[in-house]
Amino acid sequence: MHKGLRYLWREGMFLTRTEAQYGLERLWALVAGDADWEGAPAIDIPAISLDAVVAMHGMPAGAMPWIKLMDILPSWVGLPLDTELLPALCAVAGREELRFDGRGAFPLDLAAATFLLLTRWEELHFPGEPDEHGRFRAAHSLSYRQGFLDRPVIDEWALVLRTWLEASVPRWKAHTRAFQICLTHDLDRPVRYGSPWYVLRGAFGELLARSHSALGAYRELRSGWRAWRDPENDPYVLETRSQMDFEERLGIRGAYYFMTARPGRFDRGYDLTVSPYDEIVAEVRERGHEVGWHPGYTAADSEEVFATEKQRMDNIFGGSRYGGRHHYLRWSAGNSWDQWQRHGLAYDSSVGWAENIGFRCDTCHPFPCFSLKQQVELDLLEQPLVIMDEALTRCVGLGEEFDDLCMAILRRAKSTNGMAVVLTHNSDYSPAVHKAIRGAIESILSCSC
């Protein structure tokens, strides 16, 4: 039992006792926030078997049943959701029994669903063929195959349970935080023109690959040389300042994740102790924004590289406890959180899709991480990523506009009082994408939707 929820657990079911405790406590946090509960639990959650979990993950695309909210809510209640259906996650009843009238056990094992989706259990046990960077593909996920990748379904099911708790004890109210936007930035390249080599490379790139124009190459050479001599004119420095200006206008403080990797195939490599990089870090701090860490590409695979880069960051940061995000989102289930915990980091924000926007953890609320290997809750928070600029660029094939895609995700995060973590880069970005993201953020913060 945990406050207003009782889990009908027994030996031999899918979750171990430790996993069941974690899943039930996380589910309650989404249902009630930090509200307490007096008296006996009001809702019973049934337990699902391992065979049923495996069968659910083996369902053909689109085969999972969806439940009508009118069949599972008190008849007089409406929810602030843009759907009348939710997927039947971890159903323990037949398709015809997916109803609830407040009596008996709820038809879904939402404690197991919470555990599965928050820990990304399927990525460890059903990894599929990884992409070229060793990442789990969104197309292999349960949420993609069953059509809810763009919904925070655990948060939405938590709203359903909250409604029943409020109906059973009218004086009880959940106590949740207000909706938040968390703007984050991976500074893969704090400056575009870090040396004369990059000036020349930019000019040749203009001549041979982009405009094929001698005049364009000359202009690139001139502007690059000017920026190298004075980084105040560097376009990536200017974009970082533009991001801070935007956040400050909204009363938001962003998080800026710097790298300490050495140069490599996928790492630009820069030294935060020398100009102009140390000056950029100092300005971010002086303006009241957060400075965090962006481990290099190979750090995700190498404990030695991770530890070396982390020590460099500790020396610069003047402490060891801060947050950050993996480069290229090279997070892996069952490994990465344990690694971050071993090195004393405060939070991770890597768990988002590289090729889609949406809810990889099926929630937009920060949560304590759980080690699938150690079977313990960790002293580490996950702040799941829901929108990345590069992923948004890849979504245009869906036939929707950038701002419409952003608004759909932000609106669903807002309807569940979540925290929408957004990633925009200062380098190699699309101005149209950044404009759409900023416009959607301004709209969602100013409207009552």
Protein backbone atom coordinates (compact mmCIF):
# COMPACT_ATOMS: atom_id res chain seq x y z
CA MET A 1 0.00 0.00 0.00
CA HIS A 2 1.11 3.55 -0.65
CA LYS A 3 -1.20 6.30 0.57
CA GLY A 4 -4.37 6.26 -1.56
CA LEU A 5 -3.32 3.29 -3.72
CA ARG A 6 -3.13 -0.41 -2.95
CA TYR A 7 -1.21 -2.76 -5.23
CA LEU A 8 -2.49 -6.34 -5.33
CA TRP A 9 1.02 -7.74 -5.56
CA ARG A 10 2.03 -11.32 -5.02
CA GLU A 11 5.10 -13.47 -5.66
CA GLY A 12 5.56 -14.59 -9.24
CA MET A 13 4.08 -11.51 -10.90
CA PHE A 14 6.05 -9.26 -13.25
CA LEU A 15 7.35 -6.76 -10.71
CA THR A 16 9.59 -7.70 -7.82
CA ARG A 17 8.64 -6.24 -4.46
CA THR A 18 11.28 -3.51 -4.85
CA GLU A 19 10.11 -2.67 -8.37
CA ALA A 20 6.48 -2.67 -7.23
CA GLN A 21 7.29 -0.21 -4.47
CA TYR A 22 9.06 2.10 -6.91
CA GLY A 23 6.28 1.89 -9.51
CA LEU A 24 3.53 2.50 -6.96
CA GLU A 25 5.33 5.46 -5.34
CA ARG A 26 6.07 7.06 -8.71
CA LEU A 27 2.47 6.56 -9.80
CA TRP A 28 1.22 8.18 -6.60
CA ALA A 29 3.55 11.16 -7.13
CA LEU A 30 2.01 11.71 -10.57
CA VAL A 31 -1.51 11.29 -9.22
CA ALA A 32 -1.23 13.43 -6.09
CA GLY A 33 1.96 15.47 -6.24
CA ASP A 34 3.03 15.92 -2.64
CA ALA A 35 -0.50 15.65 -1.22
CA ASP A 36 -0.89 13.22 1.67
CA TRP A 37 -3.67 10.74 2.27
CA GLU A 38 -5.56 9.72 5.38
CA GLY A 39 -7.29 6.42 5.91
CA ALA A 40 -7.41 3.25 3.83
CA PRO A 41 -6.43 3.25 0.15
CA ALA A 42 -9.30 4.08 -2.22
CA ILE A 43 -8.14 2.35 -5.40
CA ASP A 44 -6.84 -1.18 -5.92
CA ILE A 45 -4.31 -1.77 -8.71
CA PRO A 46 -4.06 -5.38 -9.97
CA ALA A 47 -0.71 -7.04 -10.76
CA ILE A 48 0.26 -8.23 -14.23
CA SER A 49 2.39 -11.28 -15.06
CA LEU A 50 5.69 -11.35 -16.96
CA ASP A 51 4.07 -13.35 -19.76
CA ALA A 52 1.42 -10.65 -20.18
CA VAL A 53 4.09 -7.92 -20.29
CA VAL A 54 6.04 -9.80 -22.95
CA ALA A 55 2.83 -10.38 -24.92
CA MET A 56 2.01 -6.67 -24.76
CA HIS A 57 5.42 -5.77 -26.22
CA GLY A 58 4.90 -8.39 -28.92
CA MET A 59 1.58 -6.99 -30.11
CA PRO A 60 1.45 -6.02 -33.80
CA ALA A 61 1.46 -2.30 -34.49
CA GLY A 62 -1.90 -0.75 -33.66
CA ALA A 63 -3.23 -3.87 -31.93
CA MET A 64 -3.33 -2.50 -28.38
CA PRO A 65 -6.91 -1.63 -27.36
CA TRP A 66 -7.71 1.93 -26.33
CA ILE A 67 -10.19 2.68 -23.57
CA LYS A 68 -12.96 5.25 -23.83
CA LEU A 69 -12.60 7.72 -20.98
CA MET A 70 -16.37 7.73 -20.54
CA ASP A 71 -16.12 4.01 -19.67
CA ILE A 72 -13.57 4.52 -16.92
CA LEU A 73 -14.37 7.89 -15.31
CA PRO A 74 -17.15 9.10 -13.02
CA SER A 75 -19.87 10.14 -15.46
CA TRP A 76 -19.96 13.74 -14.26
CA VAL A 77 -16.26 14.43 -14.72
CA GLY A 78 -14.31 15.76 -17.69
CA LEU A 79 -10.53 15.92 -17.96
CA PRO A 80 -8.38 18.65 -19.60
CA LEU A 81 -7.23 16.23 -22.30
CA ASP A 82 -7.45 16.51 -26.08
CA THR A 83 -8.55 12.89 -26.45
CA GLU A 84 -11.48 10.65 -25.56
CA LEU A 85 -9.32 7.51 -25.60
CA LEU A 86 -6.22 6.26 -23.78
CA PRO A 87 -4.18 3.10 -24.49
CA ALA A 88 -4.88 0.05 -22.33
CA LEU A 89 -1.40 -0.28 -20.84
CA CYS A 90 -0.74 -3.49 -18.89
CA ALA A 91 -4.37 -4.62 -19.10
CA VAL A 92 -5.22 -7.47 -16.75
CA ALA A 93 -8.76 -7.88 -18.04
CA GLY A 94 -10.18 -8.92 -21.38
CA ARG A 95 -10.96 -6.30 -24.00
CA GLU A 96 -14.67 -6.38 -23.11
CA GLU A 97 -13.90 -5.78 -19.39
CA LEU A 98 -11.88 -2.58 -19.79
CA ARG A 99 -14.29 -0.54 -17.70
CA PHE A 100 -14.29 0.84 -14.17
CA ASP A 101 -17.14 2.11 -12.00
CA GLY A 102 -15.22 2.64 -8.77
CA ARG A 103 -15.79 -0.89 -7.50
CA GLY A 104 -13.28 -3.73 -7.57
CA ALA A 105 -9.78 -3.39 -9.00
CA PHE A 106 -8.83 -0.99 -11.77
CA PRO A 107 -8.51 -2.92 -15.06
CA LEU A 108 -4.90 -1.82 -15.73
CA ASP A 109 -1.70 -2.46 -13.78
CA LEU A 110 -0.63 1.17 -13.83
CA ALA A 111 2.11 0.53 -11.25
CA ALA A 112 3.80 -1.87 -13.68
CA ALA A 113 3.16 0.50 -16.61
CA THR A 114 4.78 3.34 -14.66
CA PHE A 115 7.80 1.17 -13.86
CA LEU A 116 8.14 -0.07 -17.45
CA LEU A 117 7.92 3.32 -19.10
CA LEU A 118 9.96 5.37 -16.64
CA THR A 119 12.86 2.90 -16.52
CA ARG A 120 12.70 2.21 -20.29
CA TRP A 121 12.63 -1.50 -19.48
CA GLU A 122 11.84 -2.44 -23.07
CA GLU A 123 15.06 -0.81 -24.32
CA LEU A 124 17.11 -3.20 -22.19
CA HIS A 125 15.07 -6.34 -22.91
CA PHE A 126 13.86 -5.66 -26.49
CA PRO A 127 16.58 -3.37 -27.89
CA GLY A 128 16.07 -4.02 -31.59
CA GLU A 129 18.64 -2.90 -34.14
CA PRO A 130 20.30 0.33 -32.92
CA ASP A 131 20.86 3.33 -35.16
CA GLU A 132 24.25 4.45 -36.45
CA HIS A 133 25.10 6.00 -33.06
CA GLY A 134 24.13 2.96 -31.03
CA ARG A 135 20.84 4.48 -29.89
CA PHE A 136 17.51 2.77 -29.39
CA ARG A 137 15.23 3.68 -32.27
CA ALA A 138 11.88 5.31 -31.56
CA ALA A 139 10.31 3.06 -34.19
CA HIS A 140 11.07 0.02 -31.99
CA SER A 141 9.24 1.47 -28.99
CA LEU A 142 5.88 0.34 -27.69
CA SER A 143 4.64 3.93 -27.75
CA TYR A 144 5.49 4.39 -31.43
CA ARG A 145 4.05 1.05 -32.56
CA GLN A 146 0.83 1.56 -30.59
CA GLY A 147 0.40 5.22 -31.50
CA PHE A 148 1.02 7.19 -28.30
CA LEU A 149 4.61 8.44 -28.67
CA ASP A 150 3.30 12.02 -28.67
CA ARG A 151 1.30 11.60 -25.44
CA PRO A 152 2.45 11.60 -21.78
CA VAL A 153 0.18 8.60 -21.18
CA ILE A 154 1.36 7.82 -17.65
CA ASP A 155 0.57 11.41 -16.65
CA GLU A 156 -2.81 11.17 -18.37
CA TRP A 157 -3.71 7.91 -16.63
CA ALA A 158 -2.65 9.54 -13.37
CA LEU A 159 -5.29 12.22 -14.02
CA VAL A 160 -7.90 9.46 -14.32
CA LEU A 161 -6.89 7.97 -10.95
CA ARG A 162 -6.84 11.45 -9.39
CA THR A 163 -10.42 11.97 -10.52
CA TRP A 164 -11.53 8.78 -8.77
CA LEU A 165 -9.70 9.72 -5.57
CA GLU A 166 -11.36 13.13 -5.54
CA ALA A 167 -14.73 11.48 -6.18
CA SER A 168 -14.27 9.00 -3.33
CA VAL A 169 -13.04 11.61 -0.82
CA PRO A 170 -14.41 15.01 -1.94
CA ARG A 171 -12.36 16.94 0.63
CA TRP A 172 -9.11 15.49 -0.76
CA LYS A 173 -7.22 17.45 -3.40
CA ALA A 174 -3.99 16.73 -5.23
CA HIS A 175 -1.15 19.17 -4.68
CA THR A 176 0.87 19.46 -7.87
CA ARG A 177 3.32 21.98 -9.25
CA ALA A 178 2.36 24.43 -11.95
CA PHE A 179 3.29 23.80 -15.57
CA GLN A 180 6.89 24.72 -16.38
CA ILE A 181 9.03 25.23 -19.46
CA CYS A 182 12.65 24.18 -19.01
CA LEU A 183 14.85 25.54 -21.80
CA THR A 184 18.17 23.74 -22.24
CA HIS A 185 21.06 24.12 -24.65
CA ASP A 186 23.86 21.74 -25.66
CA LEU A 187 26.90 23.84 -26.55
CA ASP A 188 28.60 21.43 -28.92
CA ARG A 189 30.34 24.44 -30.48
CA PRO A 190 30.27 27.60 -28.36
CA VAL A 191 31.95 29.50 -31.21
CA ARG A 192 31.88 28.86 -34.94
CA TYR A 193 35.31 30.25 -35.73
CA GLY A 194 37.59 28.89 -33.02
CA SER A 195 40.73 29.15 -35.17
CA PRO A 196 41.84 30.36 -38.64
CA TRP A 197 41.37 26.77 -39.85
CA TYR A 198 37.62 27.02 -39.30
CA VAL A 199 37.58 30.35 -41.13
CA LEU A 200 39.24 28.77 -44.17
CA ARG A 201 37.07 25.67 -43.97
CA GLY A 202 33.96 27.85 -43.94
CA ALA A 203 35.11 29.72 -47.02
CA PHE A 204 35.93 26.54 -48.95
CA GLY A 205 32.61 25.02 -47.85
CA GLU A 206 30.78 28.02 -49.26
CA LEU A 207 32.66 27.72 -52.52
CA LEU A 208 32.49 23.96 -53.00
CA ALA A 209 29.35 22.77 -51.21
CA ARG A 210 26.87 25.55 -50.53
CA SER A 211 26.58 28.59 -52.82
CA HIS A 212 29.39 27.58 -55.25
CA SER A 213 30.09 31.28 -55.42
CA ALA A 214 33.45 33.02 -55.20
CA LEU A 215 31.67 36.08 -53.82
CA GLY A 216 29.96 33.94 -51.17
CA ALA A 217 33.30 32.40 -50.23
CA TYR A 218 34.86 35.86 -49.91
CA ARG A 219 32.03 37.05 -47.66
CA GLU A 220 32.35 33.93 -45.51
CA LEU A 221 36.12 34.47 -45.27
CA ARG A 222 35.66 38.11 -44.31
CA SER A 223 32.96 37.51 -41.69
CA GLY A 224 34.81 34.48 -40.31
CA TRP A 225 38.06 36.37 -39.96
CA ARG A 226 36.24 39.20 -38.23
CA ALA A 227 34.58 36.78 -35.80
CA TRP A 228 37.84 34.96 -35.06
CA ARG A 229 39.58 38.23 -34.26
CA ASP A 230 36.66 39.30 -32.07
CA PRO A 231 34.31 36.54 -30.81
CA GLU A 232 31.72 39.20 -29.99
CA ASN A 233 30.85 38.90 -33.70
CA ASP A 234 30.76 35.09 -33.80
CA PRO A 235 27.31 33.84 -34.91
CA TYR A 236 27.23 31.02 -32.32
CA VAL A 237 28.08 33.42 -29.51
CA LEU A 238 25.36 35.76 -30.75
CA GLU A 239 22.83 32.89 -30.83
CA THR A 240 23.69 31.91 -27.24
CA ARG A 241 23.06 35.50 -26.16
CA SER A 242 19.82 35.56 -28.14
CA GLN A 243 18.70 32.45 -26.26
CA MET A 244 19.48 34.06 -22.91
CA ASP A 245 17.70 37.26 -23.95
CA PHE A 246 14.59 35.27 -24.90
CA GLU A 247 14.57 33.37 -21.61
CA GLU A 248 15.05 36.50 -19.55
CA ARG A 249 12.14 38.21 -21.31
CA LEU A 250 9.96 35.28 -20.23
CA GLY A 251 11.32 35.25 -16.69
CA ILE A 252 12.97 31.86 -17.29
CA ARG A 253 16.54 30.84 -16.57
CA GLY A 254 17.95 28.33 -19.05
CA ALA A 255 20.45 25.50 -18.62
CA TYR A 256 23.63 25.60 -20.75
CA TYR A 257 25.54 22.33 -21.05
CA PHE A 258 29.26 22.68 -21.90
CA MET A 259 31.64 19.97 -23.08
CA THR A 260 35.01 18.90 -21.70
CA ALA A 261 35.77 16.29 -24.39
CA ARG A 262 38.93 16.29 -26.44
CA PRO A 263 38.60 16.70 -30.23
CA GLY A 264 37.31 13.62 -32.01
CA ARG A 265 35.17 12.50 -34.91
CA PHE A 266 31.95 13.57 -33.19
CA ASP A 267 33.36 16.08 -30.70
CA ARG A 268 34.52 19.56 -31.62
CA GLY A 269 36.67 19.68 -28.49
CA TYR A 270 37.37 22.97 -26.74
CA ASP A 271 39.10 24.16 -23.59
CA LEU A 272 36.83 25.93 -21.11
CA THR A 273 39.81 27.41 -19.27
CA VAL A 274 40.90 29.67 -22.14
CA SER A 275 39.37 32.59 -24.04
CA PRO A 276 36.77 32.93 -25.43
CA TYR A 277 35.24 29.80 -23.86
CA ASP A 278 35.84 30.80 -20.24
CA GLU A 279 34.27 34.17 -20.95
CA ILE A 280 31.13 32.53 -22.37
CA VAL A 281 30.78 30.35 -19.26
CA ALA A 282 31.28 33.41 -17.05
CA GLU A 283 28.59 35.37 -18.91
CA VAL A 284 26.07 32.53 -18.63
CA ARG A 285 26.69 32.40 -14.88
CA GLU A 286 26.66 36.16 -14.39
CA ARG A 287 23.28 36.39 -16.10
CA GLY A 288 21.86 33.86 -13.67
CA HIS A 289 21.54 30.85 -15.94
CA GLU A 290 22.56 27.29 -15.11
CA VAL A 291 25.86 25.82 -16.24
CA GLY A 292 25.83 22.05 -16.75
CA TRP A 293 27.78 19.28 -18.44
CA HIS A 294 27.59 17.66 -21.87
CA PRO A 295 29.74 14.47 -21.88
CA GLY A 296 31.51 13.69 -25.14
CA TYR A 297 30.50 11.06 -27.66
CA THR A 298 32.75 8.25 -26.40
CA ALA A 299 32.06 8.99 -22.72
CA ALA A 300 28.80 7.08 -23.01
CA ASP A 301 30.77 3.87 -23.74
CA SER A 302 33.95 4.39 -21.70
CA GLU A 303 34.07 4.68 -17.93
CA GLU A 304 37.62 6.04 -18.18
CA VAL A 305 36.69 8.78 -20.66
CA PHE A 306 33.58 9.67 -18.66
CA ALA A 307 35.59 9.99 -15.43
CA THR A 308 38.31 12.08 -17.08
CA GLU A 309 35.85 14.50 -18.68
CA LYS A 310 33.85 14.71 -15.44
CA GLN A 311 36.99 15.62 -13.47
CA ARG A 312 37.73 18.42 -15.92
CA MET A 313 34.20 19.73 -15.44
CA ASP A 314 34.53 19.47 -11.65
CA ASN A 315 37.69 21.58 -11.79
CA ILE A 316 35.97 24.25 -13.86
CA PHE A 317 32.66 24.12 -12.03
CA GLY A 318 34.21 24.16 -8.57
CA GLY A 319 32.01 21.27 -7.44
CA SER A 320 30.88 17.83 -8.48
CA ARG A 321 27.09 17.87 -8.29
CA TYR A 322 25.32 19.30 -11.31
CA GLY A 323 23.24 18.05 -14.21
CA GLY A 324 23.57 17.60 -17.92
CA ARG A 325 22.87 15.55 -21.01
CA HIS A 326 24.67 12.95 -23.15
CA HIS A 327 26.07 14.12 -26.49
CA TYR A 328 23.97 12.78 -29.38
CA LEU A 329 21.52 11.59 -26.70
CA ARG A 330 23.66 8.43 -26.37
CA TRP A 331 21.78 7.29 -23.28
CA SER A 332 21.27 3.55 -22.74
CA ALA A 333 18.81 1.77 -20.46
CA GLY A 334 20.38 -0.17 -17.61
CA ASN A 335 23.75 1.60 -17.92
CA SER A 336 23.71 5.38 -18.19
CA TRP A 337 21.89 6.25 -14.97
CA ASP A 338 24.18 3.94 -12.98
CA GLN A 339 27.17 5.69 -14.53
CA TRP A 340 25.85 9.15 -13.66
CA GLN A 341 25.08 8.00 -10.12
CA ARG A 342 28.61 6.62 -9.64
CA HIS A 343 30.04 10.04 -10.49
CA GLY A 344 27.73 12.00 -8.20
CA LEU A 345 25.72 13.95 -10.78
CA ALA A 346 22.45 15.57 -9.72
CA TYR A 347 20.27 14.94 -12.76
CA ASP A 348 20.24 13.68 -16.33
CA SER A 349 18.17 15.08 -19.21
CA SER A 350 19.13 12.68 -22.00
CA VAL A 351 15.99 10.56 -22.28
CA GLY A 352 14.31 11.98 -25.34
CA TRP A 353 14.04 10.88 -28.95
CA ALA A 354 16.72 11.82 -31.47
CA GLU A 355 14.41 11.40 -34.48
CA ASN A 356 11.04 12.43 -33.02
CA ILE A 357 9.63 14.88 -30.56
CA GLY A 358 7.49 13.34 -27.87
CA PHE A 359 7.55 11.52 -24.56
CA ARG A 360 10.17 8.76 -24.46
CA CYS A 361 9.42 8.08 -20.77
CA ASP A 362 5.69 8.69 -21.36
CA THR A 363 5.81 11.41 -18.71
CA CYS A 364 6.85 15.05 -18.63
CA HIS A 365 7.50 15.13 -14.88
CA PRO A 366 10.99 14.80 -13.37
CA PHE A 367 11.40 11.57 -11.42
CA PRO A 368 14.00 9.67 -9.35
CA CYS A 369 15.83 7.14 -11.50
CA PHE A 370 15.79 3.40 -10.85
CA SER A 371 18.70 1.05 -11.58
CA LEU A 372 17.50 -2.01 -13.46
CA LYS A 373 20.77 -3.76 -12.69
CA GLN A 374 21.13 -2.86 -9.01
CA GLN A 375 17.38 -2.96 -8.31
CA VAL A 376 17.48 0.24 -6.26
CA GLU A 377 16.18 3.77 -6.58
CA LEU A 378 19.08 6.12 -7.32
CA ASP A 379 19.97 9.52 -5.91
CA LEU A 380 19.60 10.94 -9.41
CA LEU A 381 16.72 12.71 -11.16
CA GLU A 382 15.69 12.32 -14.76
CA GLN A 383 14.28 15.41 -16.48
CA PRO A 384 12.94 13.79 -19.66
CA LEU A 385 13.45 15.69 -22.89
CA VAL A 386 10.31 16.23 -25.00
CA ILE A 387 11.33 18.63 -27.81
CA MET A 388 14.70 18.90 -29.56
CA ASP A 389 15.23 21.29 -32.45
CA GLU A 390 17.03 18.75 -34.64
CA ALA A 391 14.33 16.12 -34.03
CA LEU A 392 11.64 18.66 -34.88
CA THR A 393 13.34 19.25 -38.23
CA ARG A 394 13.04 15.53 -38.95
CA CYS A 395 9.30 15.56 -38.12
CA VAL A 396 8.25 17.82 -41.00
CA GLY A 397 7.62 14.74 -43.10
CA LEU A 398 4.50 14.23 -40.99
CA GLY A 399 2.90 17.04 -42.99
CA GLU A 400 2.49 19.43 -40.09
CA GLU A 401 4.02 22.81 -39.40
CA PHE A 402 6.81 23.21 -36.86
CA ASP A 403 4.71 25.36 -34.53
CA ASP A 404 1.72 22.99 -34.66
CA LEU A 405 3.91 20.05 -33.68
CA CYS A 406 5.44 22.03 -30.81
CA MET A 407 2.09 23.28 -29.56
CA ALA A 408 0.61 19.76 -29.45
CA ILE A 409 3.46 18.55 -27.21
CA LEU A 410 3.46 21.65 -25.00
CA ARG A 411 -0.33 21.63 -24.63
CA ARG A 412 -0.28 18.02 -23.42
CA ALA A 413 2.50 18.78 -20.97
CA LYS A 414 0.53 21.74 -19.67
CA SER A 415 -2.68 19.74 -19.29
CA THR A 416 -0.88 17.42 -16.85
CA ASN A 417 1.01 20.21 -15.01
CA GLY A 418 4.27 18.80 -16.28
CA MET A 419 7.67 20.25 -17.06
CA ALA A 420 8.36 20.50 -20.78
CA VAL A 421 12.12 20.18 -21.31
CA VAL A 422 13.12 21.76 -24.62
CA LEU A 423 16.55 21.57 -26.28
CA THR A 424 17.79 24.13 -28.77
CA HIS A 425 21.36 24.35 -30.04
CA ASN A 426 23.38 27.49 -30.58
CA SER A 427 25.17 25.91 -33.55
CA ASP A 428 24.10 24.41 -36.87
CA TYR A 429 20.44 25.19 -36.25
CA SER A 430 17.49 26.10 -38.44
CA PRO A 431 16.24 29.67 -37.80
CA ALA A 432 12.74 28.58 -38.87
CA VAL A 433 12.72 25.81 -36.25
CA HIS A 434 13.93 28.11 -33.48
CA LYS A 435 11.35 30.71 -34.45
CA ALA A 436 8.60 28.07 -34.28
CA ILE A 437 9.78 26.78 -30.90
CA ARG A 438 9.96 30.25 -29.42
CA GLY A 439 6.57 31.16 -30.83
CA ALA A 440 4.98 28.01 -29.39
CA ILE A 441 6.55 28.66 -25.98
CA GLU A 442 5.30 32.25 -25.92
CA SER A 443 1.82 31.10 -26.96
CA ILE A 444 1.54 28.30 -24.38
CA LEU A 445 2.73 30.57 -21.56
CA SER A 446 0.33 33.35 -22.50
CA CYS A 447 -2.83 31.33 -23.13
CA SER A 448 -5.18 29.49 -20.79
CA CYS A 449 -5.30 26.37 -22.99
